[in-house]
Amino acid sequence: MITGAAGFVGKKLVGALQCKGERIRVISRNAQADYETVVCDFEKETIPQSTLESINTVFHIAGFAHDRRDASKIEHLYRKVNVDTTVQLAELAVKSGVKRFIFISSVKAGGNTPFGACTNEDDQKNTEDVYGKTKREAELKLLEIGQVSGMHVSVIRPSLVYGPNVKGNLKLMLSGIKKGWFPPLPETGNRRSMIHVDDLVRAILLVAEDKRANGEIFIATDGAPHSSRDIYNAMCNVVGKSVPKWSVSKILFDIVSLLSPRIKYKVDKLLGDECYSSEKLEKLGFKAEKTLKDMNETDF
């Protein structure tokens, strides 16, 4: 059973499971022609009781994120989808005899990373971000359900994911570089962790199959953090643009950040640190097959 099967990561996971000859059932807002579908809108509905009959493994990817509305005004939606629905799905899994429950969380559940530090699963920080907060709450509830019931529960926290058909900031940066309006970023020495979607799927399958992953949280990265300038340079190469020898001054970004909290947030997202360690996952035998230097036009 897969939730979020129509999304960026979900589609890749479905493909990988099909290659392994697995029967697939999905929960989706809309019926999917290629596999058995339970139609359910997590924002409005509860999950039908028969959803997990004869299911061995649940991969829960769906969540509520990246909404442009004021988070304080829609916190109830974050809570309903990210916490309440996740708990309901896990409790239904226990009742249905599901053996494994794999939750795709987020590095945001661990709180903000301090500049210059590369954090791991033990470096838990408080977060005011409603998305990260609700993901963390769901993690804790799931691990408790697994401990009490004996169901295998594992949590994956992906870092920034890229790959074919990716959306969000990476796609925006690539488009801006291609069209010539995205500025050359300064080298600030920041570090940002990433992972290719194919490697993330491999990590998800690994924690589902390895008994040592039961009851654990794992951060997933490619093992090689990159500066924002490195990412910019790599994207220039992807679109066939020469890398500029100049860059916009960091001081200018600092000045622009003073204009409003929203602009400061965006600049921090662009030039700040988001460095994470996947050493724990690597101890299970995981090793990323793709890194930034392997990025090409097929990844976008």
Protein backbone atom coordinates (compact mmCIF):
# COMPACT_ATOMS: atom_id res chain seq x y z
CA MET A 1 0.00 0.00 0.00
CA ILE A 2 1.34 3.39 -0.99
CA THR A 3 -0.01 6.82 -0.11
CA GLY A 4 1.17 9.74 -2.21
CA ALA A 5 1.69 7.42 -5.20
CA ALA A 6 0.91 10.21 -7.69
CA GLY A 7 3.64 12.46 -6.27
CA PHE A 8 7.29 12.93 -7.18
CA VAL A 9 8.67 10.25 -4.82
CA GLY A 10 5.58 8.04 -4.93
CA LYS A 11 5.73 7.51 -8.68
CA LYS A 12 9.34 6.36 -8.44
CA LEU A 13 8.55 4.01 -5.56
CA VAL A 14 5.62 2.51 -7.48
CA GLY A 15 7.92 1.89 -10.45
CA ALA A 16 10.54 0.20 -8.27
CA LEU A 17 7.97 -2.07 -6.63
CA GLN A 18 6.46 -2.98 -10.00
CA CYS A 19 9.93 -4.00 -11.20
CA LYS A 20 10.12 -6.32 -8.19
CA GLY A 21 6.81 -7.90 -9.19
CA GLU A 22 4.89 -6.59 -6.17
CA ARG A 23 1.13 -6.13 -6.18
CA ILE A 24 0.31 -2.50 -5.49
CA ARG A 25 -2.65 -0.78 -3.91
CA VAL A 26 -2.72 2.98 -3.44
CA ILE A 27 -4.73 5.55 -1.52
CA SER A 28 -5.42 8.57 -3.69
CA ARG A 29 -7.86 11.45 -4.13
CA ASN A 30 -8.57 10.10 -7.61
CA ALA A 31 -8.78 6.59 -9.06
CA GLN A 32 -5.53 5.42 -10.69
CA ALA A 33 -5.92 3.40 -13.89
CA ASP A 34 -2.77 1.31 -13.50
CA TYR A 35 -3.36 -0.20 -10.06
CA GLU A 36 -5.95 -0.88 -7.39
CA THR A 37 -7.02 2.37 -5.76
CA VAL A 38 -8.77 3.29 -2.54
CA VAL A 39 -10.20 6.77 -3.16
CA CYS A 40 -9.82 8.99 -0.09
CA ASP A 41 -9.07 12.67 0.46
CA PHE A 42 -7.00 12.89 3.65
CA GLU A 43 -7.97 16.54 4.15
CA LYS A 44 -11.68 15.74 4.33
CA GLU A 45 -12.24 12.02 4.91
CA THR A 46 -11.30 9.15 7.20
CA ILE A 47 -9.67 6.05 5.77
CA PRO A 48 -12.08 3.19 4.92
CA GLN A 49 -11.70 0.21 7.28
CA SER A 50 -11.09 -2.29 4.45
CA THR A 51 -8.21 -0.29 2.97
CA LEU A 52 -5.38 -2.46 4.32
CA GLU A 53 -6.88 -5.93 3.99
CA SER A 54 -4.23 -8.43 2.74
CA ILE A 55 -1.52 -5.73 2.79
CA ASN A 56 1.98 -6.64 4.06
CA THR A 57 3.71 -3.25 3.89
CA VAL A 58 2.52 0.35 4.04
CA PHE A 59 4.63 3.14 2.52
CA HIS A 60 3.15 6.39 3.82
CA ILE A 61 4.44 9.26 1.70
CA ALA A 62 1.44 11.59 1.49
CA GLY A 63 1.47 14.70 3.66
CA PHE A 64 0.39 18.32 3.83
CA ALA A 65 3.19 20.75 2.92
CA HIS A 66 4.24 23.77 0.85
CA ASP A 67 0.92 25.56 1.21
CA ARG A 68 1.28 29.29 0.52
CA ARG A 69 -1.45 30.31 2.94
CA ASP A 70 -0.60 31.58 6.43
CA ALA A 71 0.39 28.40 8.30
CA SER A 72 -1.12 29.66 11.55
CA LYS A 73 -4.52 29.84 9.86
CA ILE A 74 -4.43 26.33 8.44
CA GLU A 75 -2.56 24.50 11.19
CA HIS A 76 -5.63 22.27 11.55
CA LEU A 77 -4.99 20.92 8.04
CA TYR A 78 -1.34 20.18 8.80
CA ARG A 79 -2.44 18.39 11.96
CA LYS A 80 -5.26 16.45 10.32
CA VAL A 81 -3.18 15.14 7.42
CA ASN A 82 0.30 14.85 8.93
CA VAL A 83 -0.66 13.60 12.40
CA ASP A 84 -4.25 12.37 12.69
CA THR A 85 -4.42 10.57 9.34
CA THR A 86 -0.97 9.04 9.86
CA VAL A 87 -1.98 7.68 13.27
CA GLN A 88 -5.29 6.40 11.90
CA LEU A 89 -3.47 4.62 9.07
CA ALA A 90 -1.00 3.02 11.48
CA GLU A 91 -3.72 1.87 13.87
CA LEU A 92 -5.64 0.41 10.94
CA ALA A 93 -2.44 -1.31 9.81
CA VAL A 94 -2.09 -2.99 13.21
CA LYS A 95 -5.71 -4.18 13.13
CA SER A 96 -5.26 -5.49 9.57
CA GLY A 97 -2.10 -7.46 10.37
CA VAL A 98 0.27 -5.31 8.33
CA LYS A 99 3.87 -6.37 9.01
CA ARG A 100 5.77 -3.20 8.07
CA PHE A 101 4.94 0.52 8.15
CA ILE A 102 7.43 2.91 6.51
CA PHE A 103 6.85 6.61 7.13
CA ILE A 104 8.39 9.20 4.83
CA SER A 105 8.88 12.15 7.16
CA SER A 106 11.18 15.15 6.64
CA VAL A 107 14.46 16.53 7.95
CA LYS A 108 12.31 19.44 9.13
CA ALA A 109 11.04 17.14 11.89
CA GLY A 110 14.49 17.42 13.49
CA GLY A 111 14.37 21.21 13.78
CA ASN A 112 16.65 23.82 12.24
CA THR A 113 20.32 23.09 11.63
CA PRO A 114 22.83 25.56 13.12
CA PHE A 115 25.29 27.12 10.65
CA GLY A 116 28.48 25.09 10.39
CA ALA A 117 26.99 21.92 11.86
CA CYS A 118 25.96 18.72 10.10
CA THR A 119 23.22 17.20 12.23
CA ASN A 120 22.10 13.61 12.68
CA GLU A 121 19.06 11.80 14.06
CA ASP A 122 20.13 12.40 17.67
CA ASP A 123 20.43 16.19 17.27
CA GLN A 124 16.76 16.86 17.89
CA LYS A 125 15.88 20.56 18.04
CA ASN A 126 12.58 22.26 18.78
CA THR A 127 10.92 23.72 15.71
CA GLU A 128 8.28 26.41 15.31
CA ASP A 129 7.69 25.35 11.72
CA VAL A 130 4.20 23.78 11.70
CA TYR A 131 5.16 21.30 8.98
CA GLY A 132 8.21 20.04 10.87
CA LYS A 133 6.35 20.10 14.17
CA THR A 134 3.49 17.93 12.89
CA LYS A 135 5.87 15.53 11.16
CA ARG A 136 7.81 15.09 14.41
CA GLU A 137 4.61 14.48 16.35
CA ALA A 138 3.60 11.82 13.82
CA GLU A 139 7.03 10.16 14.10
CA LEU A 140 6.76 9.81 17.86
CA LYS A 141 3.22 8.43 17.73
CA LEU A 142 4.15 5.93 15.03
CA LEU A 143 7.20 4.65 16.89
CA GLU A 144 5.06 4.18 19.99
CA ILE A 145 2.44 2.25 18.00
CA GLY A 146 5.16 0.04 16.58
CA GLN A 147 6.69 -0.61 19.98
CA VAL A 148 3.36 -1.57 21.55
CA SER A 149 2.04 -3.65 18.64
CA GLY A 150 5.22 -5.29 17.38
CA MET A 151 4.66 -3.96 13.85
CA HIS A 152 7.90 -3.01 12.07
CA VAL A 153 7.94 0.81 11.94
CA SER A 154 10.73 2.79 10.29
CA VAL A 155 10.99 6.50 9.56
CA ILE A 156 12.92 8.08 6.68
CA ARG A 157 13.79 11.78 6.76
CA PRO A 158 14.80 12.80 3.23
CA SER A 159 17.01 15.82 2.67
CA LEU A 160 16.40 17.97 -0.43
CA VAL A 161 15.23 15.54 -3.14
CA TYR A 162 15.94 16.07 -6.83
CA GLY A 163 15.39 14.09 -9.99
CA PRO A 164 13.16 13.97 -13.09
CA ASN A 165 10.04 16.16 -12.81
CA VAL A 166 11.09 17.70 -9.50
CA LYS A 167 9.20 20.84 -8.55
CA GLY A 168 9.84 23.62 -6.05
CA ASN A 169 12.96 25.74 -5.53
CA LEU A 170 15.36 23.59 -7.57
CA LYS A 171 13.08 23.69 -10.61
CA LEU A 172 12.67 27.46 -10.16
CA MET A 173 16.44 27.96 -9.95
CA LEU A 174 17.02 25.86 -13.07
CA SER A 175 14.38 27.80 -15.00
CA GLY A 176 15.87 31.11 -13.86
CA ILE A 177 19.38 30.11 -14.91
CA LYS A 178 18.12 28.92 -18.29
CA LYS A 179 16.26 32.20 -18.89
CA GLY A 180 19.11 34.33 -17.57
CA TRP A 181 17.43 36.04 -14.62
CA PHE A 182 18.72 33.97 -11.70
CA PRO A 183 21.78 35.72 -10.18
CA PRO A 184 25.14 33.98 -9.69
CA LEU A 185 25.21 33.04 -6.01
CA PRO A 186 28.12 33.98 -3.75
CA GLU A 187 30.30 31.30 -2.21
CA THR A 188 29.37 31.52 1.47
CA GLY A 189 30.74 28.19 2.64
CA ASN A 190 27.27 26.95 3.50
CA ARG A 191 26.44 23.25 3.19
CA ARG A 192 23.22 21.74 1.88
CA SER A 193 22.40 18.04 1.79
CA MET A 194 20.63 16.48 -1.17
CA ILE A 195 19.55 13.07 -2.44
CA HIS A 196 18.48 11.84 -5.86
CA VAL A 197 14.96 10.39 -5.92
CA ASP A 198 16.26 7.02 -7.18
CA ASP A 199 18.58 6.78 -4.17
CA LEU A 200 15.78 7.80 -1.82
CA VAL A 201 13.62 4.96 -3.15
CA ARG A 202 16.50 2.54 -2.57
CA ALA A 203 16.78 3.80 1.01
CA ILE A 204 13.03 3.38 1.56
CA LEU A 205 13.12 -0.22 0.35
CA LEU A 206 16.19 -0.93 2.47
CA VAL A 207 14.59 0.13 5.75
CA ALA A 208 11.48 -1.86 4.85
CA GLU A 209 13.50 -5.03 4.35
CA ASP A 210 16.19 -4.78 7.05
CA LYS A 211 15.06 -5.88 10.52
CA ARG A 212 17.68 -3.61 12.09
CA ALA A 213 15.67 -0.62 10.84
CA ASN A 214 12.69 -1.44 13.05
CA GLY A 215 11.85 1.34 15.51
CA GLU A 216 14.45 3.70 14.04
CA ILE A 217 14.63 7.07 12.29
CA PHE A 218 17.02 7.49 9.35
CA ILE A 219 18.16 10.64 7.54
CA ALA A 220 18.67 10.09 3.80
CA THR A 221 21.31 12.10 1.90
CA ASP A 222 23.87 11.41 -0.81
CA GLY A 223 26.61 11.75 1.81
CA ALA A 224 28.23 14.82 0.23
CA PRO A 225 26.84 18.24 1.26
CA HIS A 226 27.24 21.05 -1.26
CA SER A 227 27.32 24.83 -1.09
CA SER A 228 24.57 26.81 -2.79
CA ARG A 229 27.19 28.07 -5.24
CA ASP A 230 28.14 24.46 -6.08
CA ILE A 231 24.48 23.71 -6.81
CA TYR A 232 24.22 26.85 -8.96
CA ASN A 233 27.34 25.87 -10.94
CA ALA A 234 26.05 22.33 -11.48
CA MET A 235 22.76 23.66 -12.80
CA CYS A 236 24.56 25.97 -15.21
CA ASN A 237 26.27 22.90 -16.60
CA VAL A 238 22.94 21.05 -16.84
CA VAL A 239 21.39 23.73 -19.07
CA GLY A 240 24.58 24.29 -21.07
CA LYS A 241 25.32 27.76 -19.69
CA SER A 242 28.84 28.87 -18.92
CA VAL A 243 29.41 29.44 -15.21
CA PRO A 244 29.79 33.20 -14.53
CA LYS A 245 33.12 34.26 -13.05
CA TRP A 246 31.37 36.85 -10.90
CA SER A 247 28.71 36.58 -8.22
CA VAL A 248 26.24 38.80 -6.39
CA SER A 249 27.77 39.98 -3.11
CA LYS A 250 26.61 38.31 0.09
CA ILE A 251 26.34 41.81 1.57
CA LEU A 252 23.67 42.67 -1.00
CA PHE A 253 21.66 39.60 0.02
CA ASP A 254 22.01 40.67 3.67
CA ILE A 255 20.71 44.16 2.85
CA VAL A 256 17.75 42.78 0.88
CA SER A 257 16.94 40.51 3.84
CA LEU A 258 16.20 43.59 5.94
CA LEU A 259 13.22 44.51 3.76
CA SER A 260 10.84 41.98 5.33
CA PRO A 261 10.80 38.75 7.37
CA ARG A 262 9.48 36.89 4.32
CA ILE A 263 12.41 38.00 2.16
CA LYS A 264 14.85 37.13 4.95
CA TYR A 265 13.30 33.66 5.14
CA LYS A 266 13.77 33.16 1.39
CA VAL A 267 17.39 34.35 1.49
CA ASP A 268 18.12 32.06 4.43
CA LYS A 269 16.58 29.18 2.47
CA LEU A 270 18.83 30.02 -0.46
CA LEU A 271 22.15 30.63 1.30
CA GLY A 272 21.75 29.04 4.74
CA ASP A 273 22.93 25.69 6.05
CA GLU A 274 20.86 22.52 5.78
CA CYS A 275 23.49 19.87 6.38
CA TYR A 276 22.56 16.39 7.59
CA SER A 277 24.43 13.16 8.20
CA SER A 278 23.17 9.85 6.80
CA GLU A 279 25.87 7.81 8.57
CA LYS A 280 23.21 5.82 10.43
CA LEU A 281 21.58 4.76 7.16
CA GLU A 282 24.96 3.95 5.67
CA LYS A 283 25.57 1.50 8.52
CA LEU A 284 22.65 -0.53 7.13
CA GLY A 285 24.56 -0.77 3.86
CA PHE A 286 23.14 2.23 2.03
CA LYS A 287 25.38 4.14 -0.37
CA ALA A 288 24.07 6.77 -2.75
CA GLU A 289 24.72 6.02 -6.41
CA LYS A 290 24.27 9.62 -7.58
CA THR A 291 25.67 12.91 -6.31
CA LEU A 292 25.73 16.49 -7.55
CA LYS A 293 28.58 15.81 -9.98
CA ASP A 294 26.39 13.24 -11.75
CA MET A 295 23.53 15.71 -12.28
CA ASN A 296 22.44 16.11 -15.91
CA GLU A 297 19.47 17.21 -18.00
CA THR A 298 17.57 13.95 -17.32
CA ASP A 299 17.31 14.93 -13.65
CA PHE A 300 14.96 17.85 -14.40
